[in-house]
Amino acid sequence: MPSLVSVKDLIRIFDVSKPWLNRLIERREKAMLTAVADVSFEIEEKTVYALVGESGSGKSTIGKIIVGLLPPSSGSVEIEGVDLYREQDAKAVDHIRSDIQMIFQDPYASLNPRWRVRDIIAEPVAAQGGKVDGLAEKLLEQVGLSATDAGKFPHEFSGGQRQRICIARALASEPRLIVCDEPTSALDVSVQAQVLNLMSDLKDEFGLTFLFISHDLTVVRHMADVVGVLYLGGLVEEAARDELFDDPKHPYTRMLLAAAPKLDGFGREADLPEGEIPDPINPPSGCVFHPRCPIAIDRCKSERPALRPVGKARVACHLAE
């Protein structure tokens, strides 16, 4: 199956320094934060690629780069063979961007409280000069709401209903790729299941491709075809869903899976993840996970492991075998 999205050597660095005068008085150097560190992956068409990791691992930054909200410091993002940041033909980039939509974490903050639902859903099409008559009503019914809801305001809906409105808006421009940034983390568990099942059904119905960003491994196991595990901005493991959950290769992946809740785990005593993510402004030398790794050796402290094939997965660990 062809790749719809190709991310190569992606790096994003933020300047988080204090103002120049403060640095001069305090004799401080510039502070640079590496949010994404040399990440490469591909997403096949009509599949779900999930990015998982603790808070601060760079998941949302990658999502924003792919949809065009944030430029990379270096590297490339190709969608349908067009590089979003190096392509000279502006029309080609605009055409590709019309095939990309995003579903945000907070379904209320991402909806304009002063607009009626009809205008919110039709906005992506109206911005491109398309026909919007009856579009909102049709999409509301497809996501399990009523066509009469089109005349209401966002505050008249529950959290789950607002997220359905966000999904309807994402579908309005008939995209090929939807980036989902923690789309269910703000919802109750029962509502999460409804929204996830809706997204799965719509994926099959419209032939969509998802980049699914989440820290919830239960949700990822339900949705993903391929999973990429991020740590401190870098990809430490990538594998098909069943391969990753049944036989995790990287110590960090094992730690995440051990700490995740399990249906049959009542009464079990799981070891809590040790330590915290290091300061991304001053990351550890060598493998960035070595301060928390239970199997680290001296080589891990001095040499950064490359992401390489191990079995059917790609793993960045000297001891993956």
Protein backbone atom coordinates (compact mmCIF):
# COMPACT_ATOMS: atom_id res chain seq x y z
CA MET A 1 0.00 0.00 0.00
CA PRO A 2 1.46 3.44 -0.93
CA SER A 3 2.53 5.93 1.74
CA LEU A 4 0.34 9.01 2.02
CA VAL A 5 2.63 10.77 4.52
CA SER A 6 6.42 10.62 4.64
CA VAL A 7 8.25 12.36 7.49
CA LYS A 8 12.05 12.43 7.20
CA ASP A 9 14.70 13.66 9.68
CA LEU A 10 12.20 16.02 11.33
CA ILE A 11 13.67 18.43 13.88
CA ARG A 12 11.94 21.26 15.73
CA ILE A 13 13.88 23.51 18.12
CA PHE A 14 12.30 26.31 20.17
CA ASP A 15 14.19 29.32 21.49
CA VAL A 16 13.04 29.57 25.14
CA SER A 17 15.69 32.09 26.20
CA LYS A 18 15.04 35.03 28.46
CA PRO A 19 15.07 38.49 26.83
CA TRP A 20 18.46 39.72 25.64
CA LEU A 21 18.93 42.25 28.46
CA ASN A 22 18.14 39.66 31.15
CA ARG A 23 20.66 37.27 29.64
CA LEU A 24 23.28 40.01 29.53
CA ILE A 25 22.78 40.96 33.20
CA GLU A 26 22.62 37.34 34.39
CA ARG A 27 25.38 36.24 31.99
CA ARG A 28 23.28 33.42 30.60
CA GLU A 29 23.53 31.69 27.24
CA LYS A 30 20.56 31.18 24.93
CA ALA A 31 18.29 28.29 25.97
CA MET A 32 17.22 26.05 23.07
CA LEU A 33 14.60 23.35 23.57
CA THR A 34 14.58 20.42 21.13
CA ALA A 35 10.94 19.32 20.97
CA VAL A 36 11.38 16.94 18.01
CA ALA A 37 14.72 15.20 17.49
CA ASP A 38 15.39 13.59 14.10
CA VAL A 39 12.07 11.74 13.63
CA SER A 40 11.31 9.72 10.48
CA PHE A 41 8.22 7.60 9.74
CA GLU A 42 5.68 6.89 7.01
CA ILE A 43 1.90 6.53 7.12
CA GLU A 44 0.29 4.23 4.58
CA GLU A 45 -2.95 5.31 2.97
CA LYS A 46 -6.20 4.26 4.73
CA THR A 47 -4.38 3.21 7.92
CA VAL A 48 -4.09 4.59 11.46
CA TYR A 49 -0.59 5.54 12.67
CA ALA A 50 -0.46 6.25 16.41
CA LEU A 51 2.14 8.32 18.23
CA VAL A 52 2.35 7.55 21.95
CA GLY A 53 4.51 8.73 24.82
CA GLU A 54 4.47 10.69 28.06
CA SER A 55 3.65 14.39 28.18
CA GLY A 56 6.51 16.39 26.73
CA SER A 57 7.62 13.71 24.27
CA GLY A 58 6.84 15.84 21.18
CA LYS A 59 3.62 14.18 19.95
CA SER A 60 1.54 17.32 19.50
CA THR A 61 4.43 19.27 17.99
CA ILE A 62 4.76 16.65 15.24
CA GLY A 63 1.01 16.81 14.63
CA LYS A 64 1.08 20.60 14.27
CA ILE A 65 4.02 20.41 11.85
CA ILE A 66 2.20 17.89 9.66
CA VAL A 67 -0.96 20.03 9.39
CA GLY A 68 1.09 23.16 8.69
CA LEU A 69 0.51 25.04 11.95
CA LEU A 70 4.20 24.98 12.88
CA PRO A 71 7.22 24.95 10.54
CA PRO A 72 10.05 22.47 11.22
CA SER A 73 13.56 23.65 12.04
CA SER A 74 14.82 21.07 9.52
CA GLY A 75 13.66 17.89 7.80
CA SER A 76 10.78 17.30 5.44
CA VAL A 77 7.07 16.45 5.50
CA GLU A 78 5.80 14.99 2.24
CA ILE A 79 2.08 14.40 1.73
CA GLU A 80 1.01 12.80 -1.55
CA GLY A 81 4.59 13.38 -2.71
CA VAL A 82 4.50 17.15 -2.12
CA ASP A 83 6.90 18.65 0.44
CA LEU A 84 4.82 21.08 2.50
CA TYR A 85 7.77 23.30 3.39
CA ARG A 86 10.07 23.13 0.35
CA GLU A 87 7.63 22.98 -2.57
CA GLN A 88 7.89 26.09 -4.73
CA ASP A 89 4.42 25.74 -6.24
CA ALA A 90 2.07 27.46 -3.75
CA LYS A 91 -1.01 26.08 -5.50
CA ALA A 92 0.23 22.50 -5.06
CA VAL A 93 0.76 23.09 -1.33
CA ASP A 94 -2.70 24.69 -0.96
CA HIS A 95 -4.26 21.72 -2.72
CA ILE A 96 -2.52 19.28 -0.39
CA ARG A 97 -3.46 21.26 2.71
CA SER A 98 -7.11 21.08 1.70
CA ASP A 99 -6.73 17.28 2.08
CA ILE A 100 -5.62 17.64 5.73
CA GLN A 101 -7.81 18.32 8.77
CA MET A 102 -7.26 18.18 12.53
CA ILE A 103 -9.37 17.14 15.51
CA PHE A 104 -8.19 18.85 18.69
CA GLN A 105 -8.09 17.69 22.30
CA ASP A 106 -10.59 20.14 23.79
CA PRO A 107 -13.87 20.00 21.83
CA TYR A 108 -15.12 23.27 23.30
CA ALA A 109 -12.00 25.42 22.98
CA SER A 110 -11.72 24.43 19.30
CA LEU A 111 -15.27 25.61 18.49
CA ASN A 112 -16.14 29.30 18.07
CA PRO A 113 -18.73 29.98 20.82
CA ARG A 114 -20.26 32.85 18.83
CA TRP A 115 -20.91 30.83 15.69
CA ARG A 116 -23.78 28.48 15.06
CA VAL A 117 -22.88 24.85 14.39
CA ARG A 118 -23.93 25.23 10.74
CA ASP A 119 -21.27 27.91 10.16
CA ILE A 120 -18.60 26.05 12.14
CA ILE A 121 -18.96 22.87 10.09
CA ALA A 122 -19.19 24.65 6.74
CA GLU A 123 -16.21 26.95 7.38
CA PRO A 124 -13.50 24.74 5.74
CA VAL A 125 -15.58 24.48 2.55
CA ALA A 126 -16.69 28.12 2.55
CA ALA A 127 -13.06 29.23 2.88
CA GLN A 128 -12.31 27.39 -0.38
CA GLY A 129 -15.33 28.85 -2.15
CA GLY A 130 -17.29 25.58 -2.19
CA LYS A 131 -21.05 25.01 -1.88
CA VAL A 132 -22.27 24.73 1.70
CA ASP A 133 -26.05 24.43 1.29
CA GLY A 134 -27.28 21.55 3.42
CA LEU A 135 -23.71 20.37 4.11
CA ALA A 136 -23.80 20.83 7.89
CA GLU A 137 -27.15 19.06 8.25
CA LYS A 138 -25.92 16.08 6.23
CA LEU A 139 -22.68 15.75 8.19
CA LEU A 140 -24.40 16.11 11.56
CA GLU A 141 -26.56 13.10 10.74
CA GLN A 142 -23.49 11.13 9.64
CA VAL A 143 -21.84 11.68 13.04
CA GLY A 144 -24.94 10.68 14.99
CA LEU A 145 -26.52 14.08 15.69
CA SER A 146 -29.68 15.68 14.34
CA ALA A 147 -29.88 17.99 11.33
CA THR A 148 -31.85 20.44 13.52
CA ASP A 149 -28.73 20.87 15.67
CA ALA A 150 -27.20 22.99 12.91
CA GLY A 151 -28.91 26.12 14.25
CA LYS A 152 -27.61 25.73 17.80
CA PHE A 153 -24.51 27.12 19.51
CA PRO A 154 -21.65 24.96 20.93
CA HIS A 155 -22.59 25.63 24.58
CA GLU A 156 -25.88 23.76 24.04
CA PHE A 157 -24.07 20.42 23.60
CA SER A 158 -22.29 17.96 25.89
CA GLY A 159 -18.56 17.23 25.53
CA GLY A 160 -19.13 14.10 23.44
CA GLN A 161 -21.56 15.92 21.15
CA ARG A 162 -19.10 18.79 20.68
CA GLN A 163 -16.41 16.32 19.64
CA ARG A 164 -18.86 14.87 17.09
CA ILE A 165 -19.29 18.41 15.75
CA CYS A 166 -15.49 18.69 15.48
CA ILE A 167 -15.43 15.40 13.54
CA ALA A 168 -18.18 16.68 11.23
CA ARG A 169 -16.15 19.86 10.59
CA ALA A 170 -13.07 17.76 9.83
CA LEU A 171 -15.06 15.72 7.28
CA ALA A 172 -16.58 18.76 5.56
CA SER A 173 -13.72 19.34 3.11
CA GLU A 174 -13.49 15.60 2.25
CA PRO A 175 -9.91 15.22 3.56
CA ARG A 176 -7.63 12.25 3.02
CA LEU A 177 -5.63 12.74 6.24
CA ILE A 178 -6.98 13.64 9.68
CA VAL A 179 -4.60 14.39 12.55
CA CYS A 180 -6.28 13.51 15.86
CA ASP A 181 -4.55 15.16 18.82
CA GLU A 182 -5.80 13.39 21.97
CA PRO A 183 -9.38 13.49 20.58
CA THR A 184 -10.99 11.62 23.49
CA SER A 185 -8.85 12.48 26.53
CA ALA A 186 -11.28 15.21 27.69
CA LEU A 187 -14.29 12.87 27.51
CA ASP A 188 -15.83 10.35 29.91
CA VAL A 189 -14.89 6.71 29.33
CA SER A 190 -18.32 5.69 28.00
CA VAL A 191 -18.37 8.66 25.62
CA GLN A 192 -14.79 7.89 24.53
CA ALA A 193 -15.90 4.49 23.26
CA GLN A 194 -18.75 6.02 21.24
CA VAL A 195 -16.49 8.61 19.62
CA LEU A 196 -13.75 6.05 18.84
CA ASN A 197 -16.25 3.65 17.26
CA LEU A 198 -17.64 6.54 15.21
CA MET A 199 -14.14 7.42 13.99
CA SER A 200 -13.45 3.79 13.04
CA ASP A 201 -16.71 3.58 11.08
CA LEU A 202 -16.02 6.87 9.27
CA LYS A 203 -12.48 5.74 8.44
CA ASP A 204 -13.84 2.65 6.70
CA GLU A 205 -16.70 4.54 5.03
CA PHE A 206 -14.61 7.40 3.60
CA GLY A 207 -11.23 5.66 3.25
CA LEU A 208 -9.53 8.06 5.66
CA THR A 209 -5.97 8.03 6.96
CA PHE A 210 -5.41 8.97 10.62
CA LEU A 211 -2.40 10.21 12.56
CA PHE A 212 -3.63 9.40 16.06
CA ILE A 213 -1.83 11.14 18.93
CA SER A 214 -2.48 9.76 22.40
CA HIS A 215 -0.96 8.79 25.73
CA ASP A 216 -3.72 6.23 26.38
CA LEU A 217 -2.46 2.81 25.31
CA THR A 218 -5.92 1.26 25.63
CA VAL A 219 -7.26 3.68 23.03
CA VAL A 220 -4.22 3.12 20.80
CA ARG A 221 -4.67 -0.66 20.89
CA HIS A 222 -8.27 -0.18 19.76
CA MET A 223 -7.50 2.26 16.91
CA ALA A 224 -3.97 1.86 15.55
CA ASP A 225 -2.48 -0.22 12.75
CA VAL A 226 1.10 0.94 13.42
CA VAL A 227 2.43 2.51 16.63
CA GLY A 228 5.39 4.85 17.07
CA VAL A 229 6.70 5.37 20.62
CA LEU A 230 8.24 8.78 21.33
CA TYR A 231 10.59 9.70 24.16
CA LEU A 232 12.06 13.18 24.61
CA GLY A 233 11.27 14.10 21.01
CA GLY A 234 12.78 10.98 19.42
CA LEU A 235 11.24 7.79 18.06
CA VAL A 236 12.47 4.87 20.20
CA GLU A 237 10.29 2.09 18.74
CA GLU A 238 7.94 1.56 15.82
CA ALA A 239 5.99 -1.61 15.10
CA ALA A 240 2.64 -2.98 14.01
CA ARG A 241 0.09 -2.77 16.82
CA ASP A 242 -0.05 -6.47 17.73
CA GLU A 243 3.73 -6.83 17.43
CA LEU A 244 4.33 -3.90 19.78
CA PHE A 245 1.80 -4.92 22.43
CA ASP A 246 2.72 -8.63 22.38
CA ASP A 247 6.51 -8.29 22.14
CA PRO A 248 7.78 -4.77 23.01
CA LYS A 249 11.50 -4.42 22.28
CA HIS A 250 12.46 -1.10 23.92
CA PRO A 251 12.68 -0.79 27.74
CA TYR A 252 10.62 2.42 27.61
CA THR A 253 7.82 0.70 25.68
CA ARG A 254 7.85 -2.12 28.24
CA MET A 255 7.63 0.44 31.03
CA LEU A 256 4.62 2.15 29.44
CA LEU A 257 2.80 -1.15 28.88
CA ALA A 258 3.52 -2.36 32.42
CA ALA A 259 2.04 0.82 33.89
CA ALA A 260 -1.07 0.84 31.66
CA PRO A 261 -4.39 -0.25 33.22
CA LYS A 262 -5.57 -3.77 32.31
CA LEU A 263 -9.07 -5.24 32.43
CA ASP A 264 -7.80 -8.40 34.09
CA GLY A 265 -5.39 -6.56 36.35
CA PHE A 266 -7.47 -6.12 39.51
CA GLY A 267 -5.26 -6.54 42.54
CA ARG A 268 -2.02 -6.61 40.54
CA GLU A 269 0.90 -4.57 41.77
CA ALA A 270 2.46 -2.79 38.82
CA ASP A 271 5.79 -1.04 39.17
CA LEU A 272 5.32 2.66 38.62
CA PRO A 273 7.51 4.26 35.94
CA GLU A 274 10.74 5.37 37.58
CA GLY A 275 12.01 8.91 37.25
CA GLU A 276 10.76 11.67 34.99
CA ILE A 277 11.47 12.84 31.45
CA PRO A 278 14.80 14.78 31.57
CA ASP A 279 15.04 18.48 30.85
CA PRO A 280 14.80 18.80 27.02
CA ILE A 281 16.94 21.95 27.20
CA ASN A 282 19.79 19.91 28.69
CA PRO A 283 19.17 16.27 27.64
CA PRO A 284 21.39 13.39 28.84
CA SER A 285 24.30 12.25 26.69
CA GLY A 286 24.09 9.03 24.71
CA CYS A 287 20.71 7.31 24.90
CA VAL A 288 18.34 9.89 26.42
CA PHE A 289 16.47 7.09 28.25
CA HIS A 290 19.52 5.71 30.06
CA PRO A 291 18.93 7.58 33.39
CA ARG A 292 15.62 5.68 33.77
CA CYS A 293 16.55 2.44 32.02
CA PRO A 294 16.84 -0.72 34.20
CA ILE A 295 19.23 -2.45 31.76
CA ALA A 296 21.48 0.47 30.77
CA ILE A 297 25.21 -0.21 30.28
CA ASP A 298 28.17 2.16 29.93
CA ARG A 299 27.74 2.30 26.16
CA CYS A 300 24.23 3.73 26.62
CA LYS A 301 25.65 6.73 28.49
CA SER A 302 28.02 7.75 25.71
CA GLU A 303 26.59 6.55 22.38
CA ARG A 304 23.15 7.44 21.07
CA PRO A 305 21.47 4.38 19.50
CA ALA A 306 20.17 4.64 15.94
CA LEU A 307 16.66 3.55 15.02
CA ARG A 308 17.28 0.20 13.29
CA PRO A 309 15.32 -2.90 12.23
CA VAL A 310 14.97 -5.56 14.94
CA GLY A 311 12.70 -8.37 13.79
CA LYS A 312 9.57 -6.74 12.35
CA ALA A 313 10.04 -3.53 14.37
CA ARG A 314 12.35 -0.52 14.32
CA VAL A 315 14.03 0.07 17.69
CA ALA A 316 16.55 2.62 19.05
CA CYS A 317 18.28 0.53 21.69
CA HIS A 318 21.76 -1.04 21.89
CA LEU A 319 20.31 -4.04 23.75
CA ALA A 320 17.12 -4.57 21.76
CA GLU A 321 18.02 -8.16 20.83
